[in-house]
Structures are given as C-alpha cells and as structure tokens.
Amino acid sequence: MRTLSAITSLWYQWRWLGIFIILLSLAIGVTNSAIEGNWEKLFDSPRNVQTFFTESLWPPDWSVLEPQAYPVCEESGWLDFTCSTAWIGLLETLKIAFVATVFGMLISYPIALMAAENLSPAWISYPARALLAALRSLPSILWAVLFVIMIGLGPLAGIMAMTLYTIGYLGKLQYEVIEGVAQPQLDASRAMGHGWLERSFGVILPESANNLISQAVFMFEYNFRHGTVIGIVGAGGIGYYINLYLKFLQYDKVFAYVIVIFVVVLILDVLSKYARSLFNDDKVRKKHPWWTILLPSSITQKLEEE
C-alpha cells in the first residue's frame, strides 16, 4: 500500500511533465513516420530559406505603392499612392471584411438564438448547431472558389464567401455566450409570461451585448486577415495582386505586399483591442496613455488597479 501511495503521489507531482513528454514523444514518432525518417529536409530548410530570402525576397519592391500606369491617376502629390495596386487591393479587402462581418453578425444572431440550449428545445438547437458547423466546416477560400464558379470573379464572390464563413464561426461564439447568461434571469422572464422573442431580445441581448459586440469587432479583424487570401482564387482583394505576381515569380513585390498587410493587421489589432475595451462591464476606468493598449492585458490590468 505504501508503494502504491508513493507512486500515486509521484504521479500527481509530475503528471503534467509526464503528459508533456508522452505527447512530445508521440508527435516526434508521428512526424518520423510521415517523413519516412528523412530528417535531412528539416535540417536543410534554414539554408534554403536564407537563400530564398536573399535572392528572391530582399529587398522588397516598393513599386507596388506607386500609381498604376492605367487608368491614369487623378490624384497628385502625396495622395498618388491611392492609385497603387497595394492601396486598391487593401481597400477592397477591408470593404469585403466589413460587409461580410455586418451581414454575418445580423444573420448569425437569430441562428445562435435557436442553437442555444437554454432558449430552444433540442429539436431546434441541434439542427441550428449542425447548420453553423456546416458553414464553418469549409474554410473561406473554398467558399470563395464555389462562389467564383457560381457568380464569377470579383469582390461579390468574396463577400458571399466571407459572409457564410462568418455566420458559422461567429454563430458558434454567439450561442456559447448566450448559454452563459444566468438561468435565474431566464426563469424570471418565463414566470412573467414572456415569449421566446421577448426573452431573446429583451433579456439575452442586453445581458450579452458587450460580448457580442466584442466578438463582432474581433471577427472583422479576422475577416480582413483571411480576406487577403480569397483574392488568390479571384474573389477580390489584395490576394488577386499577390497571386498575379506569384505567377510571374516576382517574389520581391509579393514580399512588399506581405509587409503592407502585416502593418495593416498590426493597426487593426491595436484598434480592435481598443474597441473591445469599450464594451466591458467596468463602467469607471482609470485612463492611461494610448500606448498602453499595446501592452499585454495582465500589465494593463495592473496599471488600472494602481
């Protein structure tokens, strides 16, 4: 018994390390099986990346920020960059992400209400969950391929593709938030004789509004990042130009686009973090310099407690 007790105590003391070692060993074993023991490819990859970077990517070709030759740019001075392919592609990607987020949010909320088990019976919630799962089971780029086939090239195909994916992805987040609403409030609403619509929009919506808006802001940022890809299949956005230069092996221009996208994603990340901070439950907050939104949330919280 003492031996068993000692083993049990030792397991509880080192269980997380043991689980980590087991998972790591399994991952290495599966990788070795997948590559058939040819680890030389992995060890040669840094040198291949260095060669590709120095010979093909660097320096980036910033001509993508210059005005196009046709149509003739009507802007003058420092505004002529608005006629560049980088600006046109980014603006189109932002439009696709915005419209898809708005449509997706408006359509996904009623479906999320039906999918929430604390609002709807099983014969409604399970089909609604299956619908949301089906919509997010395909990545947005595959939805884009389908819509390009159906309605042709252009941003409309991108909007439709991103909207469907947003419904599936955002709907899951929404019904999980809805199910987190305190049950006594729903019971009180039922006791007052409120119907399904009254509970959904009179109780659920006010209680979960902060989280729902925060999720929508996050989804817009997410859609922009993924919207840069759907243009590769002809669904509009900056991905169209990236794919065009990839076909001609002009990797220095592609790298310039990637840097531009990275900068815009950083800006959107800062803006979305600030926007989400406006919809929390703390009514009174100590104001700090704007740059504190760049800090991790744990450090920001400590600043607010001081």
Protein backbone atom coordinates (compact mmCIF):
# COMPACT_ATOMS: atom_id res chain seq x y z
CA MET A 1 0.00 0.00 0.00
CA ARG A 2 2.83 2.36 0.80
CA THR A 3 4.40 1.64 -2.58
CA LEU A 4 1.10 2.35 -4.37
CA SER A 5 0.63 5.52 -2.35
CA ALA A 6 4.15 6.66 -3.19
CA ILE A 7 3.61 6.00 -6.91
CA THR A 8 0.30 7.88 -6.81
CA SER A 9 1.89 10.82 -5.02
CA LEU A 10 4.78 10.86 -7.50
CA TRP A 11 2.33 10.79 -10.43
CA TYR A 12 0.31 13.74 -9.12
CA GLN A 13 3.51 15.66 -8.54
CA TRP A 14 4.98 15.06 -12.01
CA ARG A 15 1.84 14.31 -14.06
CA TRP A 16 1.98 17.43 -16.25
CA LEU A 17 5.63 16.85 -17.12
CA GLY A 18 4.83 13.20 -17.85
CA ILE A 19 1.90 14.11 -20.11
CA PHE A 20 4.06 16.66 -21.93
CA ILE A 21 6.82 14.08 -22.52
CA ILE A 22 4.30 11.50 -23.75
CA LEU A 23 2.67 13.95 -26.19
CA LEU A 24 6.06 15.17 -27.42
CA SER A 25 7.23 11.60 -27.99
CA LEU A 26 4.06 10.77 -29.91
CA ALA A 27 4.42 13.90 -32.05
CA ILE A 28 8.04 13.08 -32.89
CA GLY A 29 7.08 9.48 -33.69
CA VAL A 30 4.24 10.51 -36.00
CA THR A 31 6.48 13.09 -37.70
CA ASN A 32 9.20 10.49 -38.23
CA SER A 33 6.63 8.16 -39.79
CA ALA A 34 5.24 10.91 -42.03
CA ILE A 35 8.65 11.93 -43.41
CA GLU A 36 9.87 8.32 -43.53
CA GLY A 37 12.85 9.13 -41.33
CA ASN A 38 14.27 11.71 -43.75
CA TRP A 39 15.21 14.43 -41.25
CA GLU A 40 17.74 15.99 -43.65
CA LYS A 41 14.93 18.02 -45.24
CA LEU A 42 14.26 19.67 -41.89
CA PHE A 43 17.91 20.42 -41.20
CA ASP A 44 18.44 21.83 -44.71
CA SER A 45 15.40 24.13 -44.50
CA PRO A 46 17.15 27.09 -42.75
CA ARG A 47 19.75 27.29 -45.51
CA ASN A 48 17.05 27.06 -48.19
CA VAL A 49 15.05 29.83 -46.53
CA GLN A 50 18.13 32.04 -46.27
CA THR A 51 18.93 31.54 -49.95
CA PHE A 52 15.34 32.25 -50.98
CA PHE A 53 15.19 35.37 -48.80
CA THR A 54 18.44 36.90 -50.02
CA GLU A 55 17.99 36.04 -53.69
CA SER A 56 14.24 36.43 -54.24
CA LEU A 57 12.60 38.42 -51.44
CA TRP A 58 15.05 41.08 -50.35
CA PRO A 59 14.90 43.96 -50.95
CA PRO A 60 11.11 44.27 -51.35
CA ASP A 61 9.94 46.01 -54.50
CA TRP A 62 8.02 49.07 -53.28
CA SER A 63 6.80 49.89 -56.77
CA VAL A 64 3.52 48.29 -55.64
CA LEU A 65 2.88 51.59 -53.81
CA GLU A 66 3.35 53.62 -56.99
CA PRO A 67 0.37 54.73 -59.14
CA GLN A 68 -0.72 52.39 -61.90
CA ALA A 69 0.01 53.40 -65.46
CA TYR A 70 -3.62 52.76 -66.40
CA PRO A 71 -6.08 54.13 -65.58
CA VAL A 72 -4.35 57.47 -65.25
CA CYS A 73 -4.13 58.59 -61.64
CA GLU A 74 -6.08 61.78 -60.97
CA GLU A 75 -4.53 62.32 -57.54
CA SER A 76 -1.44 64.45 -57.19
CA GLY A 77 1.35 64.83 -54.69
CA TRP A 78 1.47 62.53 -51.69
CA LEU A 79 -2.01 61.15 -52.42
CA ASP A 80 -0.91 59.39 -55.58
CA PHE A 81 -0.34 56.18 -53.59
CA THR A 82 -4.15 55.79 -53.54
CA CYS A 83 -3.85 54.78 -57.21
CA SER A 84 -1.44 51.94 -56.42
CA THR A 85 -2.37 48.27 -56.54
CA ALA A 86 -1.46 47.88 -52.85
CA TRP A 87 -3.93 50.59 -51.78
CA ILE A 88 -6.69 49.44 -54.14
CA GLY A 89 -6.31 45.83 -53.02
CA LEU A 90 -6.22 46.70 -49.32
CA LEU A 91 -9.27 48.96 -49.60
CA GLU A 92 -11.22 46.25 -51.40
CA THR A 93 -10.20 43.68 -48.78
CA LEU A 94 -11.34 45.99 -45.98
CA LYS A 95 -14.68 46.52 -47.74
CA ILE A 96 -15.19 42.77 -48.14
CA ALA A 97 -14.32 42.16 -44.49
CA PHE A 98 -16.63 44.93 -43.26
CA VAL A 99 -19.67 43.93 -45.32
CA ALA A 100 -19.18 40.22 -44.53
CA THR A 101 -18.90 40.98 -40.81
CA VAL A 102 -22.08 43.11 -40.76
CA PHE A 103 -24.15 40.61 -42.76
CA GLY A 104 -22.69 37.66 -40.88
CA MET A 105 -23.40 39.23 -37.47
CA LEU A 106 -27.02 40.06 -38.36
CA ILE A 107 -27.75 36.62 -39.80
CA SER A 108 -25.84 34.55 -37.24
CA TYR A 109 -27.56 36.03 -34.17
CA PRO A 110 -31.05 34.58 -34.86
CA ILE A 111 -29.45 31.21 -35.69
CA ALA A 112 -27.40 31.39 -32.48
CA LEU A 113 -30.60 32.04 -30.52
CA MET A 114 -32.08 28.88 -31.97
CA ALA A 115 -28.86 26.93 -31.30
CA ALA A 116 -28.67 27.94 -27.62
CA GLU A 117 -29.91 25.07 -25.44
CA ASN A 118 -31.15 27.41 -22.70
CA LEU A 119 -33.56 29.05 -25.16
CA SER A 120 -34.61 26.39 -27.63
CA PRO A 121 -35.60 22.73 -27.38
CA ALA A 122 -33.29 20.03 -28.70
CA TRP A 123 -35.22 19.55 -31.94
CA ILE A 124 -34.41 23.18 -32.83
CA SER A 125 -30.99 23.69 -31.24
CA TYR A 126 -29.30 20.64 -32.76
CA PRO A 127 -30.25 21.39 -36.39
CA ALA A 128 -29.21 25.01 -35.86
CA ARG A 129 -25.84 23.88 -34.48
CA ALA A 130 -25.45 21.48 -37.40
CA LEU A 131 -26.08 24.37 -39.83
CA LEU A 132 -23.44 26.55 -38.13
CA ALA A 133 -20.99 23.65 -38.12
CA ALA A 134 -21.60 23.04 -41.83
CA LEU A 135 -20.97 26.70 -42.69
CA ARG A 136 -17.64 26.82 -40.85
CA SER A 137 -16.52 23.34 -41.88
CA LEU A 138 -15.20 24.72 -45.17
CA PRO A 139 -12.53 27.43 -44.99
CA SER A 140 -13.40 30.76 -46.54
CA ILE A 141 -11.14 30.16 -49.54
CA LEU A 142 -13.14 27.07 -50.55
CA TRP A 143 -16.39 29.01 -50.20
CA ALA A 144 -14.75 31.65 -52.41
CA VAL A 145 -13.97 29.02 -55.06
CA LEU A 146 -17.61 27.90 -55.07
CA PHE A 147 -18.96 31.43 -55.39
CA VAL A 148 -16.45 32.36 -58.11
CA ILE A 149 -17.79 29.39 -60.06
CA MET A 150 -21.41 30.42 -59.44
CA ILE A 151 -21.32 34.21 -59.87
CA GLY A 152 -17.94 34.91 -61.44
CA LEU A 153 -14.81 36.78 -60.45
CA GLY A 154 -14.89 39.87 -58.24
CA PRO A 155 -15.50 41.11 -54.71
CA LEU A 156 -19.13 39.92 -54.65
CA ALA A 157 -17.91 36.33 -54.55
CA GLY A 158 -15.58 37.27 -51.71
CA ILE A 159 -18.39 38.95 -49.76
CA MET A 160 -20.64 35.91 -50.12
CA ALA A 161 -17.86 33.52 -49.11
CA MET A 162 -16.75 35.52 -46.08
CA THR A 163 -20.37 36.08 -45.01
CA LEU A 164 -21.14 32.37 -44.93
CA TYR A 165 -17.97 31.59 -43.02
CA THR A 166 -18.67 34.45 -40.61
CA ILE A 167 -22.16 33.09 -39.91
CA GLY A 168 -20.74 29.70 -38.98
CA TYR A 169 -17.79 30.98 -36.96
CA LEU A 170 -19.49 33.90 -35.23
CA GLY A 171 -22.69 31.93 -34.62
CA LYS A 172 -20.81 29.39 -32.52
CA LEU A 173 -19.24 32.14 -30.42
CA GLN A 174 -22.61 33.79 -30.01
CA TYR A 175 -24.58 30.78 -28.82
CA GLU A 176 -21.85 29.95 -26.32
CA VAL A 177 -22.19 33.46 -24.90
CA ILE A 178 -25.98 33.15 -24.89
CA GLU A 179 -25.78 29.89 -22.97
CA GLY A 180 -23.65 31.67 -20.38
CA VAL A 181 -26.48 34.04 -19.39
CA ALA A 182 -27.60 33.41 -15.82
CA GLN A 183 -30.51 30.96 -15.65
CA PRO A 184 -32.45 32.82 -12.88
CA GLN A 185 -32.95 35.75 -15.22
CA LEU A 186 -34.45 33.49 -17.88
CA ASP A 187 -36.63 31.77 -15.28
CA ALA A 188 -37.89 35.16 -14.09
CA SER A 189 -38.68 36.12 -17.68
CA ARG A 190 -40.65 32.89 -18.19
CA ALA A 191 -42.51 33.46 -14.91
CA MET A 192 -43.56 36.89 -16.18
CA GLY A 193 -45.10 35.24 -19.24
CA HIS A 194 -42.52 36.43 -21.78
CA GLY A 195 -42.36 34.53 -25.05
CA TRP A 196 -39.30 33.31 -26.94
CA LEU A 197 -38.79 36.58 -28.81
CA GLU A 198 -39.18 38.67 -25.66
CA ARG A 199 -36.60 36.56 -23.82
CA SER A 200 -34.23 36.60 -26.80
CA PHE A 201 -34.26 40.34 -27.38
CA GLY A 202 -35.38 41.63 -24.00
CA VAL A 203 -33.16 39.54 -21.73
CA ILE A 204 -30.47 37.75 -23.73
CA LEU A 205 -29.48 40.65 -25.97
CA PRO A 206 -28.94 43.25 -23.19
CA GLU A 207 -27.11 40.75 -20.98
CA SER A 208 -24.73 39.54 -23.69
CA ALA A 209 -24.42 42.74 -25.77
CA ASN A 210 -20.89 43.55 -24.61
CA ASN A 211 -19.56 40.12 -25.56
CA LEU A 212 -21.46 40.06 -28.84
CA ILE A 213 -20.06 43.43 -29.94
CA SER A 214 -16.57 42.42 -28.84
CA GLN A 215 -16.86 39.25 -30.92
CA ALA A 216 -18.03 41.24 -33.95
CA VAL A 217 -15.00 43.54 -33.69
CA PHE A 218 -12.72 40.52 -33.43
CA MET A 219 -14.48 38.93 -36.41
CA PHE A 220 -13.83 41.99 -38.57
CA GLU A 221 -10.12 41.76 -37.82
CA TYR A 222 -10.23 38.02 -38.51
CA ASN A 223 -12.07 38.53 -41.81
CA PHE A 224 -9.52 41.04 -43.01
CA ARG A 225 -6.64 38.68 -42.34
CA HIS A 226 -8.38 35.83 -44.15
CA GLY A 227 -9.77 38.14 -46.78
CA THR A 228 -6.24 38.71 -48.07
CA VAL A 229 -6.23 35.07 -49.19
CA ILE A 230 -9.53 34.72 -51.04
CA GLY A 231 -8.32 37.03 -53.80
CA ILE A 232 -5.95 34.27 -54.87
CA VAL A 233 -8.93 32.41 -56.34
CA GLY A 234 -10.35 35.57 -57.94
CA ALA A 235 -12.73 36.70 -55.18
CA GLY A 236 -11.37 40.24 -54.96
CA GLY A 237 -8.97 41.93 -52.59
CA ILE A 238 -5.23 42.23 -52.39
CA GLY A 239 -4.84 38.48 -52.80
CA TYR A 240 -5.54 38.94 -56.53
CA TYR A 241 -2.38 41.01 -56.96
CA ILE A 242 -0.35 38.64 -54.78
CA ASN A 243 -1.41 35.71 -56.92
CA LEU A 244 -0.66 37.67 -60.09
CA TYR A 245 2.94 38.37 -59.10
CA LEU A 246 3.41 34.84 -57.76
CA LYS A 247 2.61 33.52 -61.24
CA PHE A 248 5.37 35.72 -62.68
CA LEU A 249 7.79 34.72 -59.85
CA GLN A 250 8.13 38.36 -58.75
CA TYR A 251 8.61 37.48 -55.10
CA ASP A 252 10.09 40.87 -54.16
CA LYS A 253 6.75 42.51 -54.99
CA VAL A 254 4.86 39.78 -53.14
CA PHE A 255 7.06 40.43 -50.11
CA ALA A 256 6.21 44.13 -50.29
CA TYR A 257 2.50 43.25 -50.24
CA VAL A 258 3.08 40.97 -47.25
CA ILE A 259 4.78 43.80 -45.34
CA VAL A 260 1.91 46.16 -46.14
CA ILE A 261 -0.63 43.56 -44.95
CA PHE A 262 1.40 42.98 -41.78
CA VAL A 263 1.39 46.70 -40.96
CA VAL A 264 -2.36 46.98 -41.54
CA VAL A 265 -3.01 43.87 -39.39
CA LEU A 266 -1.00 45.45 -36.56
CA ILE A 267 -3.02 48.66 -36.85
CA LEU A 268 -6.29 46.71 -36.87
CA ASP A 269 -5.14 44.67 -33.88
CA VAL A 270 -4.49 47.85 -31.88
CA LEU A 271 -7.80 49.40 -32.95
CA SER A 272 -9.79 46.23 -32.24
CA LYS A 273 -8.21 45.84 -28.82
CA TYR A 274 -9.16 49.42 -28.01
CA ALA A 275 -12.68 48.98 -29.43
CA ARG A 276 -13.25 45.78 -27.41
CA SER A 277 -12.13 47.59 -24.26
CA LEU A 278 -15.06 49.99 -24.68
CA PHE A 279 -17.58 47.17 -24.28
CA ASN A 280 -16.61 45.63 -20.97
CA ASP A 281 -18.53 45.65 -17.72
CA ASP A 282 -16.27 48.11 -15.91
CA LYS A 283 -18.07 51.42 -16.00
CA VAL A 284 -15.31 53.51 -14.47
CA ARG A 285 -11.79 53.09 -15.74
CA LYS A 286 -8.63 54.93 -15.00
CA LYS A 287 -7.39 56.45 -18.23
CA HIS A 288 -3.84 55.69 -19.30
CA PRO A 289 -1.82 56.78 -22.34
CA TRP A 290 -2.98 55.33 -25.64
CA TRP A 291 0.17 53.22 -25.99
CA THR A 292 -0.90 51.03 -23.06
CA ILE A 293 -3.23 49.18 -25.43
CA LEU A 294 -0.07 47.68 -26.94
CA LEU A 295 0.76 46.03 -23.62
CA PRO A 296 -0.45 42.59 -22.55
CA SER A 297 -3.81 42.61 -20.79
CA SER A 298 -2.22 41.45 -17.50
CA ILE A 299 0.04 44.52 -17.36
CA THR A 300 -2.82 46.82 -18.35
CA GLN A 301 -4.95 45.39 -15.56
CA LYS A 302 -2.21 46.06 -13.02
CA LEU A 303 -1.98 49.66 -14.21
CA GLU A 304 -5.74 50.05 -13.77
CA GLU A 305 -5.58 48.68 -10.22
CA GLU A 306 -2.97 51.20 -9.18
